[in-house]
Each structure stands twice: as C-alpha cells, then as structure tokens.
Amino acid sequence: MRLRLISLGSLAAVAAVWAVLTLGGFVDKLFLPGPQDLMSVVTESWQELLANLGFTLTRQAVGFLIGSALGIGLGLLMASSRVVNAVLDPLVELIRPIPPLAIIPLLILWLGIGVVPQVLLVVFGCFVIMVVSTVEAVRNVPRIYLSAARTLGAGSTRIYRTIVMPAIVPALVGSIRVAAAASFGLVVAAEFMGAQEGIGYQMILAQRYLRTDQIIVCIAVITVTAWLVDQAIRRLERRYTGWTERHVTAGGASRTRPKSAVVAPAAAAKENS
C-alpha cells in the first residue's frame, strides 16, 4: 500500500510541476501545452480521434495476429524438427537483428504507400519476437519431463500435446504481451508512411500545423489503448494459466512449472496403453 501511495505521489508531483510551468507561463505552449489545452483538443476532436483510432487498431490487430500466428507456428516447427531448424535458423538469425523501422524504405519501394506495407511492418516486428520466443520456450522445457514420458511409452505427438504445449504457454503469453506492445509503436510509425487515416496520420497533420497539443493527445490515446490491451492479455493469462504453479526464487524471480508437466508422462502413457 505504501509503495502504491509513493507511486501515486510521484505522478501527482509531475502533474503539479507541469501545471505550474504551463499555467504560470514559464513554458511556451508550442513546446508544452497545458492541461486545459489538451482538454480542449479532446472535447473538440474526440470523434476524429475515435475514428482514427479505429483505423489504427484495425491495422494493429491484423498485423499482430498474422505476425504472432506465423511466429508461433514456425517456432514450433523449428523446435520439433532438427532438419527444419537447420534450414530456417540461419534465416531467422539473419533477420532478427534488423530494426523493423529500417525496412520502411524497402516496403515503400516494393509495395508503394498503402495499407499493405503498413500491416506488413507490424507483421515483421511481431513475427521476429514470437518465432524466437517460441523456439526458446520449447528448448527450455525440462528434459526430464520428456524423458519420463518416453520411458512410460508416450509417443512424440502426445508428448508435444500434453507436455510441451502446456509448458510453453506461460512463456508465450509473456512474449505475446511484448509483441502487442511493440505492434502499437510499429503501427503508428507505419502510418507515417503516407497513410490517409489513423492516429499516426493525425499526428503528422498536427506536426505540420505546429499543434503540439494534438500530438500529445494522440500519444496519450495510443498509450492508454496499448495499456488496456496489455491489461486484457494479463487478465486472460490469469484466467487460462491457472493450472500453473508459480514459485518465487531467492532473487525474487518468478518460475513457472505446469502441473500438467508433472502428471502428463503418466497420463500420456496410460492413454497409450
């Protein structure tokens, strides 16, 4: 409780300094608009904000879902086959260090200015995050669980379904949260590529007319939206990974062990018998 009060106090202090600087006329509104300026933007442009947010969320959702699905699928395939991993791992390692924003000129050159390159930028960023995370999650499944299942007669398919998949879910959920957060930044950057609607487009227009207040409101809108999406993912995580046992190590880090991973070898063997 005390830590929460301290956090709220720090936010209140920042807000107070902001109000004093702007309302007292110590800072030009061009550089830092005051609270009343931001409220005016919200009340005057809320319909436009919501409409542009809808376009942005559509691009973000499509890119995030496609990129995450491709990344998880390919990651599972690489982790389950040494041949596939040998073929694809060098390619993944080649594109992994590439900053997603660095491919914007290529996307414009190849595909022009439109929705497709904007969505593909989000797909690329989410794909890289998820494929690497999925491969590492599968590799981190305790080998003793797999060995025990094989000893009890479980087949590869059943091992994957009853042990590997439940074991990697908590790690994947964490990676999905990272990818979702990244997708919001990428979609706004993508909308700088000549979009005709969206939060990024509205920010570019505000920049042209020196409307710092509109830019800050747009930043606040996309930030709050990204936070709400993250909270929704966390809520789903708590709901659908309740079967995990969380242990706190001496250093305070959380370690997750799926209950199914303990009982799955015997269950898998029983189903095979």
C-alpha atoms as a PDB file:
ATOM      1  CA  MET A   1       0.000   0.000   0.000  1.00  0.00           C
ATOM      2  CA  ARG A   2       2.814   2.379   0.897  1.00  0.00           C
ATOM      3  CA  LEU A   3       4.587   1.734  -2.430  1.00  0.00           C
ATOM      4  CA  ARG A   4       1.376   2.442  -4.313  1.00  0.00           C
ATOM      5  CA  LEU A   5       0.983   5.740  -2.480  1.00  0.00           C
ATOM      6  CA  ILE A   6       4.580   6.626  -3.325  1.00  0.00           C
ATOM      7  CA  SER A   7       3.931   5.880  -6.989  1.00  0.00           C
ATOM      8  CA  LEU A   8       0.778   7.987  -6.990  1.00  0.00           C
ATOM      9  CA  GLY A   9       2.663  10.744  -5.211  1.00  0.00           C
ATOM     10  CA  SER A  10       5.375  10.829  -7.867  1.00  0.00           C
ATOM     11  CA  LEU A  11       2.760  11.079 -10.619  1.00  0.00           C
ATOM     12  CA  ALA A  12       0.980  13.851  -8.742  1.00  0.00           C
ATOM     13  CA  ALA A  13       4.271  15.724  -8.362  1.00  0.00           C
ATOM     14  CA  VAL A  14       4.946  15.539 -12.101  1.00  0.00           C
ATOM     15  CA  ALA A  15       1.405  16.743 -12.834  1.00  0.00           C
ATOM     16  CA  ALA A  16       1.824  19.631 -10.393  1.00  0.00           C
ATOM     17  CA  VAL A  17       5.107  20.746 -11.972  1.00  0.00           C
ATOM     18  CA  TRP A  18       3.512  20.507 -15.415  1.00  0.00           C
ATOM     19  CA  ALA A  19       0.561  22.648 -14.308  1.00  0.00           C
ATOM     20  CA  VAL A  20       2.793  25.278 -12.697  1.00  0.00           C
ATOM     21  CA  LEU A  21       5.074  25.550 -15.740  1.00  0.00           C
ATOM     22  CA  THR A  22       2.235  25.845 -18.239  1.00  0.00           C
ATOM     23  CA  LEU A  23      -0.386  27.805 -16.323  1.00  0.00           C
ATOM     24  CA  GLY A  24       2.268  30.156 -14.952  1.00  0.00           C
ATOM     25  CA  GLY A  25       3.512  30.950 -18.442  1.00  0.00           C
ATOM     26  CA  PHE A  26       7.033  29.677 -17.815  1.00  0.00           C
ATOM     27  CA  VAL A  27       6.966  27.464 -20.927  1.00  0.00           C
ATOM     28  CA  ASP A  28       5.703  28.319 -24.397  1.00  0.00           C
ATOM     29  CA  LYS A  29       2.588  26.363 -25.368  1.00  0.00           C
ATOM     30  CA  LEU A  30       4.302  25.387 -28.605  1.00  0.00           C
ATOM     31  CA  PHE A  31       6.710  23.246 -26.590  1.00  0.00           C
ATOM     32  CA  LEU A  32       4.496  22.149 -23.706  1.00  0.00           C
ATOM     33  CA  PRO A  33       0.742  22.798 -23.769  1.00  0.00           C
ATOM     34  CA  GLY A  34      -1.152  22.971 -20.508  1.00  0.00           C
ATOM     35  CA  PRO A  35      -3.853  20.639 -19.182  1.00  0.00           C
ATOM     36  CA  GLN A  36      -6.611  22.970 -20.383  1.00  0.00           C
ATOM     37  CA  ASP A  37      -5.195  22.892 -23.925  1.00  0.00           C
ATOM     38  CA  LEU A  38      -5.252  19.108 -24.002  1.00  0.00           C
ATOM     39  CA  MET A  39      -8.798  19.006 -22.677  1.00  0.00           C
ATOM     40  CA  SER A  40      -9.857  21.420 -25.417  1.00  0.00           C
ATOM     41  CA  VAL A  41      -8.395  19.092 -28.044  1.00  0.00           C
ATOM     42  CA  VAL A  42     -10.238  16.112 -26.559  1.00  0.00           C
ATOM     43  CA  THR A  43     -13.595  17.876 -26.380  1.00  0.00           C
ATOM     44  CA  GLU A  44     -13.298  19.373 -29.864  1.00  0.00           C
ATOM     45  CA  SER A  45     -11.783  16.402 -31.718  1.00  0.00           C
ATOM     46  CA  TRP A  46     -12.961  13.289 -29.876  1.00  0.00           C
ATOM     47  CA  GLN A  47     -14.951  11.989 -32.846  1.00  0.00           C
ATOM     48  CA  GLU A  48     -11.961  12.375 -35.152  1.00  0.00           C
ATOM     49  CA  LEU A  49      -9.736  10.734 -32.549  1.00  0.00           C
ATOM     50  CA  LEU A  50     -12.038   7.734 -32.215  1.00  0.00           C
ATOM     51  CA  ALA A  51     -12.345   7.343 -35.980  1.00  0.00           C
ATOM     52  CA  ASN A  52      -8.582   7.438 -36.483  1.00  0.00           C
ATOM     53  CA  LEU A  53      -8.070   5.117 -33.526  1.00  0.00           C
ATOM     54  CA  GLY A  54     -10.371   2.618 -35.222  1.00  0.00           C
ATOM     55  CA  PHE A  55      -8.202   2.601 -38.358  1.00  0.00           C
ATOM     56  CA  THR A  56      -5.047   2.236 -36.267  1.00  0.00           C
ATOM     57  CA  LEU A  57      -6.466  -0.622 -34.194  1.00  0.00           C
ATOM     58  CA  THR A  58      -7.542  -2.465 -37.334  1.00  0.00           C
ATOM     59  CA  ARG A  59      -4.030  -2.353 -38.787  1.00  0.00           C
ATOM     60  CA  GLN A  60      -2.501  -3.223 -35.438  1.00  0.00           C
ATOM     61  CA  ALA A  61      -4.799  -6.185 -34.832  1.00  0.00           C
ATOM     62  CA  VAL A  62      -4.339  -7.666 -38.317  1.00  0.00           C
ATOM     63  CA  GLY A  63      -0.565  -7.288 -38.245  1.00  0.00           C
ATOM     64  CA  PHE A  64      -0.259  -8.532 -34.673  1.00  0.00           C
ATOM     65  CA  LEU A  65      -2.419 -11.618 -35.222  1.00  0.00           C
ATOM     66  CA  ILE A  66      -0.759 -12.602 -38.507  1.00  0.00           C
ATOM     67  CA  GLY A  67       2.764 -11.982 -37.218  1.00  0.00           C
ATOM     68  CA  SER A  68       2.158 -13.812 -33.935  1.00  0.00           C
ATOM     69  CA  ALA A  69       0.491 -16.795 -35.621  1.00  0.00           C
ATOM     70  CA  LEU A  70       3.303 -17.133 -38.160  1.00  0.00           C
ATOM     71  CA  GLY A  71       5.949 -16.733 -35.467  1.00  0.00           C
ATOM     72  CA  ILE A  72       4.435 -19.302 -33.101  1.00  0.00           C
ATOM     73  CA  GLY A  73       3.744 -21.780 -35.900  1.00  0.00           C
ATOM     74  CA  LEU A  74       7.206 -21.545 -37.405  1.00  0.00           C
ATOM     75  CA  GLY A  75       8.815 -21.579 -33.963  1.00  0.00           C
ATOM     76  CA  LEU A  76       7.035 -24.822 -33.041  1.00  0.00           C
ATOM     77  CA  LEU A  77       8.062 -26.342 -36.362  1.00  0.00           C
ATOM     78  CA  MET A  78      11.700 -25.355 -35.882  1.00  0.00           C
ATOM     79  CA  ALA A  79      11.749 -26.649 -32.316  1.00  0.00           C
ATOM     80  CA  SER A  80      10.217 -30.002 -33.287  1.00  0.00           C
ATOM     81  CA  SER A  81      12.440 -30.802 -36.279  1.00  0.00           C
ATOM     82  CA  ARG A  82      16.218 -30.620 -36.394  1.00  0.00           C
ATOM     83  CA  VAL A  83      16.159 -30.520 -40.187  1.00  0.00           C
ATOM     84  CA  VAL A  84      13.710 -27.612 -40.294  1.00  0.00           C
ATOM     85  CA  ASN A  85      15.695 -25.827 -37.602  1.00  0.00           C
ATOM     86  CA  ALA A  86      18.940 -26.317 -39.540  1.00  0.00           C
ATOM     87  CA  VAL A  87      17.331 -24.806 -42.638  1.00  0.00           C
ATOM     88  CA  LEU A  88      15.455 -21.892 -41.056  1.00  0.00           C
ATOM     89  CA  ASP A  89      17.539 -20.932 -38.027  1.00  0.00           C
ATOM     90  CA  PRO A  90      20.203 -19.090 -40.091  1.00  0.00           C
ATOM     91  CA  LEU A  91      17.456 -17.107 -41.829  1.00  0.00           C
ATOM     92  CA  VAL A  92      15.787 -16.203 -38.536  1.00  0.00           C
ATOM     93  CA  GLU A  93      19.128 -15.180 -37.048  1.00  0.00           C
ATOM     94  CA  LEU A  94      19.748 -13.067 -40.146  1.00  0.00           C
ATOM     95  CA  ILE A  95      16.553 -11.026 -39.832  1.00  0.00           C
ATOM     96  CA  ARG A  96      16.365 -10.971 -36.028  1.00  0.00           C
ATOM     97  CA  PRO A  97      18.786  -8.023 -35.518  1.00  0.00           C
ATOM     98  CA  ILE A  98      17.113  -5.916 -38.228  1.00  0.00           C
ATOM     99  CA  PRO A  99      15.222  -2.973 -36.687  1.00  0.00           C
ATOM    100  CA  PRO A 100      11.675  -3.117 -38.088  1.00  0.00           C
ATOM    101  CA  LEU A 101      11.736   0.599 -38.883  1.00  0.00           C
ATOM    102  CA  ALA A 102      14.772   0.032 -41.106  1.00  0.00           C
ATOM    103  CA  ILE A 103      12.680  -1.867 -43.644  1.00  0.00           C
ATOM    104  CA  ILE A 104      10.237   1.014 -44.185  1.00  0.00           C
ATOM    105  CA  PRO A 105      12.108   2.308 -47.275  1.00  0.00           C
ATOM    106  CA  LEU A 106      12.075  -1.196 -48.763  1.00  0.00           C
ATOM    107  CA  LEU A 107       8.360  -1.621 -48.121  1.00  0.00           C
ATOM    108  CA  ILE A 108       7.627   1.700 -49.800  1.00  0.00           C
ATOM    109  CA  LEU A 109       9.895   0.823 -52.730  1.00  0.00           C
ATOM    110  CA  TRP A 110       8.387  -2.639 -53.217  1.00  0.00           C
ATOM    111  CA  LEU A 111       4.733  -2.042 -52.325  1.00  0.00           C
ATOM    112  CA  GLY A 112       4.215   1.695 -52.503  1.00  0.00           C
ATOM    113  CA  ILE A 113       2.213   3.692 -49.980  1.00  0.00           C
ATOM    114  CA  GLY A 114      -0.890   1.997 -48.664  1.00  0.00           C
ATOM    115  CA  VAL A 115      -2.366  -0.299 -46.056  1.00  0.00           C
ATOM    116  CA  VAL A 116      -0.450  -3.432 -47.119  1.00  0.00           C
ATOM    117  CA  PRO A 117       3.080  -2.168 -46.321  1.00  0.00           C
ATOM    118  CA  GLN A 118       1.796  -0.671 -43.070  1.00  0.00           C
ATOM    119  CA  VAL A 119       0.379  -4.006 -41.940  1.00  0.00           C
ATOM    120  CA  LEU A 120       3.475  -5.888 -43.129  1.00  0.00           C
ATOM    121  CA  LEU A 121       5.693  -3.725 -40.933  1.00  0.00           C
ATOM    122  CA  VAL A 122       3.682  -4.825 -37.893  1.00  0.00           C
ATOM    123  CA  VAL A 123       3.717  -8.439 -39.115  1.00  0.00           C
ATOM    124  CA  PHE A 124       7.508  -8.380 -39.410  1.00  0.00           C
ATOM    125  CA  GLY A 125       8.068  -6.962 -35.930  1.00  0.00           C
ATOM    126  CA  CYS A 126       5.671  -9.378 -34.211  1.00  0.00           C
ATOM    127  CA  PHE A 127       6.891 -12.372 -36.218  1.00  0.00           C
ATOM    128  CA  VAL A 128      10.512 -11.925 -35.159  1.00  0.00           C
ATOM    129  CA  ILE A 129       9.572 -11.589 -31.488  1.00  0.00           C
ATOM    130  CA  MET A 130       7.311 -14.636 -31.473  1.00  0.00           C
ATOM    131  CA  VAL A 131       9.419 -17.049 -33.538  1.00  0.00           C
ATOM    132  CA  VAL A 132      12.497 -16.521 -31.361  1.00  0.00           C
ATOM    133  CA  SER A 133      10.474 -16.691 -28.129  1.00  0.00           C
ATOM    134  CA  THR A 134       8.660 -19.866 -29.190  1.00  0.00           C
ATOM    135  CA  VAL A 135      11.846 -21.723 -30.078  1.00  0.00           C
ATOM    136  CA  GLU A 136      13.453 -20.729 -26.776  1.00  0.00           C
ATOM    137  CA  ALA A 137      10.332 -21.666 -24.801  1.00  0.00           C
ATOM    138  CA  VAL A 138      10.297 -25.175 -26.273  1.00  0.00           C
ATOM    139  CA  ARG A 139      14.026 -25.599 -25.661  1.00  0.00           C
ATOM    140  CA  ASN A 140      13.563 -24.603 -22.021  1.00  0.00           C
ATOM    141  CA  VAL A 141      11.034 -27.354 -21.299  1.00  0.00           C
ATOM    142  CA  PRO A 142      12.742 -29.590 -18.681  1.00  0.00           C
ATOM    143  CA  ARG A 143      14.206 -32.610 -20.456  1.00  0.00           C
ATOM    144  CA  ILE A 144      13.330 -34.833 -17.510  1.00  0.00           C
ATOM    145  CA  TYR A 145       9.618 -34.475 -18.338  1.00  0.00           C
ATOM    146  CA  LEU A 146      10.191 -35.593 -21.918  1.00  0.00           C
ATOM    147  CA  SER A 147      12.436 -38.476 -20.872  1.00  0.00           C
ATOM    148  CA  ALA A 148       9.917 -39.672 -18.297  1.00  0.00           C
ATOM    149  CA  ALA A 149       7.122 -39.603 -20.858  1.00  0.00           C
ATOM    150  CA  ARG A 150       9.167 -41.582 -23.390  1.00  0.00           C
ATOM    151  CA  THR A 151      10.101 -44.104 -20.717  1.00  0.00           C
ATOM    152  CA  LEU A 152       6.421 -44.614 -19.960  1.00  0.00           C
ATOM    153  CA  GLY A 153       5.682 -45.195 -23.635  1.00  0.00           C
ATOM    154  CA  ALA A 154       4.247 -41.858 -24.779  1.00  0.00           C
ATOM    155  CA  GLY A 155       4.594 -41.037 -28.462  1.00  0.00           C
ATOM    156  CA  SER A 156       6.036 -37.826 -29.900  1.00  0.00           C
ATOM    157  CA  THR A 157       2.658 -36.354 -30.791  1.00  0.00           C
ATOM    158  CA  ARG A 158       1.219 -36.994 -27.353  1.00  0.00           C
ATOM    159  CA  ILE A 159       4.338 -35.656 -25.655  1.00  0.00           C
ATOM    160  CA  TYR A 160       4.066 -32.465 -27.645  1.00  0.00           C
ATOM    161  CA  ARG A 161       0.373 -32.080 -26.875  1.00  0.00           C
ATOM    162  CA  THR A 162       0.369 -32.999 -23.189  1.00  0.00           C
ATOM    163  CA  ILE A 163       3.768 -31.734 -22.048  1.00  0.00           C
ATOM    164  CA  VAL A 164       5.426 -29.288 -24.408  1.00  0.00           C
ATOM    165  CA  MET A 165       2.403 -27.158 -25.282  1.00  0.00           C
ATOM    166  CA  PRO A 166       1.184 -26.655 -21.680  1.00  0.00           C
ATOM    167  CA  ALA A 167       4.750 -25.974 -20.534  1.00  0.00           C
ATOM    168  CA  ILE A 168       5.389 -23.160 -23.018  1.00  0.00           C
ATOM    169  CA  VAL A 169       2.073 -21.327 -22.612  1.00  0.00           C
ATOM    170  CA  PRO A 170       3.198 -19.004 -19.760  1.00  0.00           C
ATOM    171  CA  ALA A 171       6.355 -18.030 -21.657  1.00  0.00           C
ATOM    172  CA  LEU A 172       4.380 -17.454 -24.845  1.00  0.00           C
ATOM    173  CA  VAL A 173       1.891 -15.221 -23.057  1.00  0.00           C
ATOM    174  CA  GLY A 174       4.751 -13.022 -21.876  1.00  0.00           C
ATOM    175  CA  SER A 175       6.100 -12.820 -25.413  1.00  0.00           C
ATOM    176  CA  ILE A 176       2.639 -12.013 -26.746  1.00  0.00           C
ATOM    177  CA  ARG A 177       2.484  -9.059 -24.363  1.00  0.00           C
ATOM    178  CA  VAL A 178       5.827  -7.818 -25.674  1.00  0.00           C
ATOM    179  CA  ALA A 179       4.711  -8.265 -29.280  1.00  0.00           C
ATOM    180  CA  ALA A 180       1.408  -6.492 -28.625  1.00  0.00           C
ATOM    181  CA  ALA A 181       3.197  -3.503 -27.093  1.00  0.00           C
ATOM    182  CA  ALA A 182       5.650  -3.379 -29.995  1.00  0.00           C
ATOM    183  CA  SER A 183       2.832  -3.593 -32.528  1.00  0.00           C
ATOM    184  CA  PHE A 184       1.337  -0.299 -31.345  1.00  0.00           C
ATOM    185  CA  GLY A 185       4.601   1.554 -31.844  1.00  0.00           C
ATOM    186  CA  LEU A 186       5.093  -0.073 -35.225  1.00  0.00           C
ATOM    187  CA  VAL A 187       1.601   0.686 -36.491  1.00  0.00           C
ATOM    188  CA  VAL A 188       1.924   4.381 -35.603  1.00  0.00           C
ATOM    189  CA  ALA A 189       5.311   4.504 -37.337  1.00  0.00           C
ATOM    190  CA  ALA A 190       3.778   2.690 -40.309  1.00  0.00           C
ATOM    191  CA  GLU A 191       1.061   5.320 -40.551  1.00  0.00           C
ATOM    192  CA  PHE A 192       3.761   7.920 -41.039  1.00  0.00           C
ATOM    193  CA  MET A 193       4.292   6.250 -44.449  1.00  0.00           C
ATOM    194  CA  GLY A 194       1.659   8.289 -46.240  1.00  0.00           C
ATOM    195  CA  ALA A 195      -1.454   6.957 -44.509  1.00  0.00           C
ATOM    196  CA  GLN A 196      -4.670   8.897 -45.065  1.00  0.00           C
ATOM    197  CA  GLU A 197      -6.210   7.933 -41.743  1.00  0.00           C
ATOM    198  CA  GLY A 198      -5.125   6.700 -38.342  1.00  0.00           C
ATOM    199  CA  ILE A 199      -3.505   8.128 -35.215  1.00  0.00           C
ATOM    200  CA  GLY A 200      -0.130   8.380 -36.956  1.00  0.00           C
ATOM    201  CA  TYR A 201      -1.700  10.333 -39.806  1.00  0.00           C
ATOM    202  CA  GLN A 202      -3.380  12.692 -37.337  1.00  0.00           C
ATOM    203  CA  MET A 203      -0.023  13.257 -35.614  1.00  0.00           C
ATOM    204  CA  ILE A 204       1.644  14.142 -38.925  1.00  0.00           C
ATOM    205  CA  LEU A 205      -1.087  16.688 -39.669  1.00  0.00           C
ATOM    206  CA  ALA A 206      -0.697  18.163 -36.188  1.00  0.00           C
ATOM    207  CA  GLN A 207       3.054  18.453 -36.725  1.00  0.00           C
ATOM    208  CA  ARG A 208       2.549  20.370 -39.966  1.00  0.00           C
ATOM    209  CA  TYR A 209       0.326  22.908 -38.215  1.00  0.00           C
ATOM    210  CA  LEU A 210       2.515  23.095 -35.082  1.00  0.00           C
ATOM    211  CA  ARG A 211      -0.249  21.626 -32.917  1.00  0.00           C
ATOM    212  CA  THR A 212       1.784  20.204 -30.065  1.00  0.00           C
ATOM    213  CA  ASP A 213      -1.385  19.753 -28.033  1.00  0.00           C
ATOM    214  CA  GLN A 214      -2.885  17.429 -30.659  1.00  0.00           C
ATOM    215  CA  ILE A 215       0.330  15.415 -30.866  1.00  0.00           C
ATOM    216  CA  ILE A 216       0.402  14.879 -27.102  1.00  0.00           C
ATOM    217  CA  VAL A 217      -3.269  13.882 -27.063  1.00  0.00           C
ATOM    218  CA  CYS A 218      -2.632  11.354 -29.845  1.00  0.00           C
ATOM    219  CA  ILE A 219       0.304   9.938 -27.882  1.00  0.00           C
ATOM    220  CA  ALA A 220      -1.890   9.682 -24.789  1.00  0.00           C
ATOM    221  CA  VAL A 221      -4.683   7.958 -26.719  1.00  0.00           C
ATOM    222  CA  ILE A 222      -2.421   5.292 -28.232  1.00  0.00           C
ATOM    223  CA  THR A 223      -0.629   4.806 -24.892  1.00  0.00           C
ATOM    224  CA  VAL A 224      -3.860   4.259 -22.970  1.00  0.00           C
ATOM    225  CA  THR A 225      -5.126   1.910 -25.679  1.00  0.00           C
ATOM    226  CA  ALA A 226      -1.920  -0.144 -25.582  1.00  0.00           C
ATOM    227  CA  TRP A 227      -2.144  -0.296 -21.774  1.00  0.00           C
ATOM    228  CA  LEU A 228      -5.750  -1.512 -21.922  1.00  0.00           C
ATOM    229  CA  VAL A 229      -4.801  -4.236 -24.411  1.00  0.00           C
ATOM    230  CA  ASP A 230      -1.936  -5.310 -22.154  1.00  0.00           C
ATOM    231  CA  GLN A 231      -4.279  -5.483 -19.167  1.00  0.00           C
ATOM    232  CA  ALA A 232      -6.704  -7.604 -21.198  1.00  0.00           C
ATOM    233  CA  ILE A 233      -3.904 -10.022 -22.097  1.00  0.00           C
ATOM    234  CA  ARG A 234      -2.843 -10.220 -18.444  1.00  0.00           C
ATOM    235  CA  ARG A 235      -6.415 -10.964 -17.421  1.00  0.00           C
ATOM    236  CA  LEU A 236      -6.613 -13.768 -19.999  1.00  0.00           C
ATOM    237  CA  GLU A 237      -3.271 -15.067 -18.750  1.00  0.00           C
ATOM    238  CA  ARG A 238      -4.537 -15.320 -15.175  1.00  0.00           C
ATOM    239  CA  ARG A 239      -7.735 -16.972 -16.347  1.00  0.00           C
ATOM    240  CA  TYR A 240      -6.288 -19.593 -18.677  1.00  0.00           C
ATOM    241  CA  THR A 241      -2.979 -20.382 -16.969  1.00  0.00           C
ATOM    242  CA  GLY A 242      -4.399 -21.009 -13.522  1.00  0.00           C
ATOM    243  CA  TRP A 243      -3.104 -24.567 -13.758  1.00  0.00           C
ATOM    244  CA  THR A 244       0.494 -23.361 -13.340  1.00  0.00           C
ATOM    245  CA  GLU A 245       2.401 -23.333 -10.087  1.00  0.00           C
ATOM    246  CA  ARG A 246       4.412 -20.161  -9.596  1.00  0.00           C
ATOM    247  CA  HIS A 247       7.458 -20.299  -7.363  1.00  0.00           C
ATOM    248  CA  VAL A 248       9.474 -17.316  -6.228  1.00  0.00           C
ATOM    249  CA  THR A 249      13.219 -17.836  -6.234  1.00  0.00           C
ATOM    250  CA  ALA A 250      15.615 -16.324  -3.749  1.00  0.00           C
ATOM    251  CA  GLY A 251      16.253 -13.466  -6.166  1.00  0.00           C
ATOM    252  CA  GLY A 252      12.569 -12.699  -6.432  1.00  0.00           C
ATOM    253  CA  ALA A 253      12.124 -14.012  -9.969  1.00  0.00           C
ATOM    254  CA  SER A 254       9.021 -15.978 -10.815  1.00  0.00           C
ATOM    255  CA  ARG A 255       9.441 -19.523 -12.083  1.00  0.00           C
ATOM    256  CA  THR A 256       6.527 -21.339 -13.636  1.00  0.00           C
ATOM    257  CA  ARG A 257       6.090 -25.084 -13.627  1.00  0.00           C
ATOM    258  CA  PRO A 258       2.999 -26.515 -15.286  1.00  0.00           C
ATOM    259  CA  LYS A 259       1.141 -29.043 -13.174  1.00  0.00           C
ATOM    260  CA  SER A 260       0.361 -30.961 -16.334  1.00  0.00           C
ATOM    261  CA  ALA A 261       4.076 -31.401 -16.954  1.00  0.00           C
ATOM    262  CA  VAL A 262       4.336 -33.411 -13.761  1.00  0.00           C
ATOM    263  CA  VAL A 263       1.376 -35.677 -14.340  1.00  0.00           C
ATOM    264  CA  ALA A 264       1.425 -35.735 -18.132  1.00  0.00           C
ATOM    265  CA  PRO A 265       4.034 -38.515 -18.560  1.00  0.00           C
ATOM    266  CA  ALA A 266       1.920 -40.974 -16.611  1.00  0.00           C
ATOM    267  CA  ALA A 267      -1.293 -39.742 -18.204  1.00  0.00           C
ATOM    268  CA  ALA A 268       0.174 -39.983 -21.679  1.00  0.00           C
ATOM    269  CA  ALA A 269       1.436 -43.480 -21.048  1.00  0.00           C
ATOM    270  CA  LYS A 270      -1.931 -44.523 -19.632  1.00  0.00           C
ATOM    271  CA  GLU A 271      -3.710 -43.243 -22.741  1.00  0.00           C
ATOM    272  CA  ASN A 272      -1.309 -45.180 -24.959  1.00  0.00           C
ATOM    273  CA  SER A 273      -1.821 -48.426 -23.067  1.00  0.00           C
END
